[in-house]
């Protein structure tokens, strides 16, 4: 049985919605790199802000694991 990777928003490691940390976990990179890239995209015309809001709505929060 193969493990399927899923994109989730983080419940614990978040600054706003947990999108950047979720993306960093999915792509196995440092969350700071994703956050910096998102800020740069936001400053270059605002597309980053719109994309973040859409991801916040569309990407589910990670399942609760006690």
N, C-alpha and C. Protein backbone atom coordinates (compact mmCIF):
# COMPACT_ATOMS: atom_id res chain seq x y z
N UNK A 1 0.85 -1.18 0.00
CA UNK A 1 0.00 0.00 0.00
C UNK A 1 0.90 1.24 0.00
N UNK A 2 0.65 2.15 -0.90
CA UNK A 2 1.49 3.34 -1.00
C UNK A 2 0.92 4.48 -0.15
N UNK A 3 1.81 5.33 0.29
CA UNK A 3 1.42 6.48 1.10
C UNK A 3 1.11 7.66 0.17
N UNK A 4 -0.08 8.20 0.29
CA UNK A 4 -0.50 9.33 -0.54
C UNK A 4 -0.22 10.61 0.24
N UNK A 5 0.53 11.51 -0.40
CA UNK A 5 0.81 12.82 0.22
C UNK A 5 -0.41 13.70 0.07
N UNK A 6 -0.77 14.39 1.14
CA UNK A 6 -1.90 15.31 1.11
C UNK A 6 -1.46 16.67 1.63
N UNK A 7 -2.01 17.71 1.07
CA UNK A 7 -1.71 19.07 1.49
C UNK A 7 -2.73 19.49 2.54
N UNK A 8 -2.25 19.88 3.71
CA UNK A 8 -3.10 20.35 4.81
C UNK A 8 -2.54 21.64 5.37
N UNK A 9 -3.44 22.46 5.94
CA UNK A 9 -3.01 23.61 6.72
C UNK A 9 -2.59 23.09 8.09
N UNK A 10 -1.56 23.68 8.66
CA UNK A 10 -1.08 23.25 9.97
C UNK A 10 -1.98 23.78 11.07
N UNK A 11 -2.23 22.94 12.07
CA UNK A 11 -2.99 23.36 13.26
C UNK A 11 -2.08 24.06 14.27
N UNK A 12 -0.84 23.63 14.35
CA UNK A 12 0.04 24.10 15.43
C UNK A 12 1.11 25.07 14.96
N UNK A 13 1.70 24.84 13.81
CA UNK A 13 2.81 25.66 13.32
C UNK A 13 2.30 26.67 12.30
N UNK A 14 1.65 27.71 12.79
CA UNK A 14 1.10 28.69 11.87
C UNK A 14 1.30 30.10 12.39
N UNK A 15 1.34 31.04 11.45
CA UNK A 15 1.39 32.46 11.79
C UNK A 15 0.04 33.09 11.51
N UNK A 16 -0.56 32.73 10.39
CA UNK A 16 -1.92 33.18 10.07
C UNK A 16 -2.83 31.97 9.92
N UNK A 17 -2.78 31.35 8.75
CA UNK A 17 -3.69 30.24 8.48
C UNK A 17 -3.03 28.88 8.42
N UNK A 18 -1.71 28.83 8.50
CA UNK A 18 -1.00 27.56 8.44
C UNK A 18 -0.69 27.09 7.03
N UNK A 19 -0.95 27.94 6.04
CA UNK A 19 -0.74 27.57 4.65
C UNK A 19 0.74 27.37 4.34
N UNK A 20 1.59 28.29 4.73
CA UNK A 20 3.02 28.21 4.41
C UNK A 20 3.66 26.97 5.03
N UNK A 21 3.32 26.69 6.27
CA UNK A 21 3.89 25.50 6.91
C UNK A 21 3.37 24.23 6.24
N UNK A 22 2.11 24.22 5.86
CA UNK A 22 1.55 23.07 5.16
C UNK A 22 2.24 22.83 3.82
N UNK A 23 2.49 23.91 3.09
CA UNK A 23 3.21 23.78 1.82
C UNK A 23 4.65 23.30 2.04
N UNK A 24 5.29 23.81 3.08
CA UNK A 24 6.66 23.40 3.35
C UNK A 24 6.73 21.92 3.73
N UNK A 25 5.74 21.43 4.46
CA UNK A 25 5.69 20.00 4.80
C UNK A 25 5.44 19.17 3.54
N UNK A 26 4.56 19.62 2.69
CA UNK A 26 4.22 18.89 1.47
C UNK A 26 5.42 18.78 0.54
N UNK A 27 6.15 19.90 0.36
CA UNK A 27 7.30 19.91 -0.54
C UNK A 27 8.62 19.62 0.16
N UNK A 28 8.58 19.39 1.47
CA UNK A 28 9.76 19.05 2.27
C UNK A 28 10.86 20.11 2.16
N UNK A 29 10.46 21.38 2.41
CA UNK A 29 11.41 22.49 2.44
C UNK A 29 11.18 23.30 3.71
N UNK A 30 12.09 24.22 3.98
CA UNK A 30 12.01 25.05 5.18
C UNK A 30 10.83 26.01 5.08
N UNK A 31 10.03 26.12 6.14
CA UNK A 31 8.87 27.02 6.11
C UNK A 31 9.25 28.49 5.92
N UNK A 32 10.43 28.88 6.36
CA UNK A 32 10.86 30.27 6.19
C UNK A 32 11.01 30.63 4.72
N UNK A 33 11.46 29.68 3.92
CA UNK A 33 11.61 29.93 2.49
C UNK A 33 10.24 30.16 1.86
N UNK A 34 9.27 29.36 2.24
CA UNK A 34 7.91 29.52 1.70
C UNK A 34 7.33 30.86 2.13
N UNK A 35 7.53 31.23 3.38
CA UNK A 35 7.00 32.51 3.88
C UNK A 35 7.63 33.70 3.17
N UNK A 36 8.94 33.65 2.98
CA UNK A 36 9.64 34.74 2.27
C UNK A 36 9.15 34.83 0.83
N UNK A 37 9.01 33.69 0.17
CA UNK A 37 8.52 33.69 -1.22
C UNK A 37 7.11 34.27 -1.29
N UNK A 38 6.28 33.93 -0.30
CA UNK A 38 4.90 34.44 -0.30
C UNK A 38 4.88 35.96 -0.12
N UNK A 39 5.75 36.47 0.72
CA UNK A 39 5.83 37.93 0.92
C UNK A 39 6.29 38.61 -0.37
N UNK A 40 7.27 38.01 -1.05
CA UNK A 40 7.75 38.59 -2.31
C UNK A 40 6.63 38.61 -3.35
N UNK A 41 5.89 37.50 -3.47
CA UNK A 41 4.78 37.47 -4.43
C UNK A 41 3.70 38.49 -4.08
N UNK A 42 3.48 38.71 -2.80
CA UNK A 42 2.49 39.70 -2.38
C UNK A 42 2.94 41.11 -2.74
N UNK A 43 4.23 41.39 -2.59
CA UNK A 43 4.75 42.72 -2.89
C UNK A 43 4.80 42.98 -4.39
N UNK A 44 4.80 41.93 -5.20
CA UNK A 44 4.87 42.09 -6.65
C UNK A 44 3.47 42.10 -7.28
N UNK A 45 2.60 42.93 -6.77
CA UNK A 45 1.30 43.10 -7.38
C UNK A 45 0.13 42.57 -6.58
N UNK A 46 0.39 41.93 -5.47
CA UNK A 46 -0.71 41.49 -4.61
C UNK A 46 -1.26 40.11 -4.91
N UNK A 47 -0.70 39.41 -5.92
CA UNK A 47 -1.21 38.08 -6.26
C UNK A 47 -0.99 37.09 -5.12
N UNK A 48 0.06 37.28 -4.35
CA UNK A 48 0.33 36.39 -3.22
C UNK A 48 -0.75 36.45 -2.16
N UNK A 49 -1.27 37.62 -1.91
CA UNK A 49 -2.33 37.78 -0.91
C UNK A 49 -3.61 37.09 -1.36
N UNK A 50 -3.96 37.26 -2.60
CA UNK A 50 -5.15 36.60 -3.14
C UNK A 50 -4.98 35.08 -3.12
N UNK A 51 -3.81 34.60 -3.52
CA UNK A 51 -3.55 33.16 -3.52
C UNK A 51 -3.60 32.60 -2.10
N UNK A 52 -3.07 33.35 -1.13
CA UNK A 52 -3.09 32.89 0.26
C UNK A 52 -4.52 32.78 0.77
N UNK A 53 -5.34 33.77 0.47
CA UNK A 53 -6.74 33.73 0.90
C UNK A 53 -7.49 32.56 0.27
N UNK A 54 -7.23 32.31 -1.00
CA UNK A 54 -7.88 31.19 -1.66
C UNK A 54 -7.43 29.87 -1.04
N UNK A 55 -6.14 29.73 -0.79
CA UNK A 55 -5.62 28.51 -0.16
C UNK A 55 -6.19 28.33 1.24
N UNK A 56 -6.34 29.42 1.98
CA UNK A 56 -6.89 29.37 3.33
C UNK A 56 -8.31 28.80 3.31
N UNK A 57 -9.06 29.12 2.27
CA UNK A 57 -10.42 28.65 2.14
C UNK A 57 -10.46 27.20 1.61
N UNK A 58 -9.62 26.89 0.63
CA UNK A 58 -9.69 25.62 -0.08
C UNK A 58 -8.95 24.48 0.63
N UNK A 59 -7.76 24.75 1.16
CA UNK A 59 -6.94 23.69 1.75
C UNK A 59 -7.48 23.33 3.14
N UNK A 60 -7.77 22.05 3.37
CA UNK A 60 -8.33 21.65 4.66
C UNK A 60 -7.27 21.67 5.78
N UNK A 61 -7.75 21.84 6.99
CA UNK A 61 -6.86 21.81 8.15
C UNK A 61 -6.48 20.35 8.41
N UNK A 62 -5.25 20.16 8.89
CA UNK A 62 -4.79 18.79 9.12
C UNK A 62 -5.68 18.09 10.15
N UNK A 63 -5.86 16.79 9.98
CA UNK A 63 -6.72 16.05 10.92
C UNK A 63 -6.15 16.09 12.33
N UNK A 64 -7.04 16.09 13.31
CA UNK A 64 -6.62 16.12 14.71
C UNK A 64 -6.10 14.75 15.11
N UNK A 65 -4.89 14.71 15.64
CA UNK A 65 -4.27 13.47 16.11
C UNK A 65 -3.93 13.63 17.59
N UNK A 66 -4.66 12.95 18.47
CA UNK A 66 -4.39 13.11 19.92
C UNK A 66 -3.07 12.50 20.34
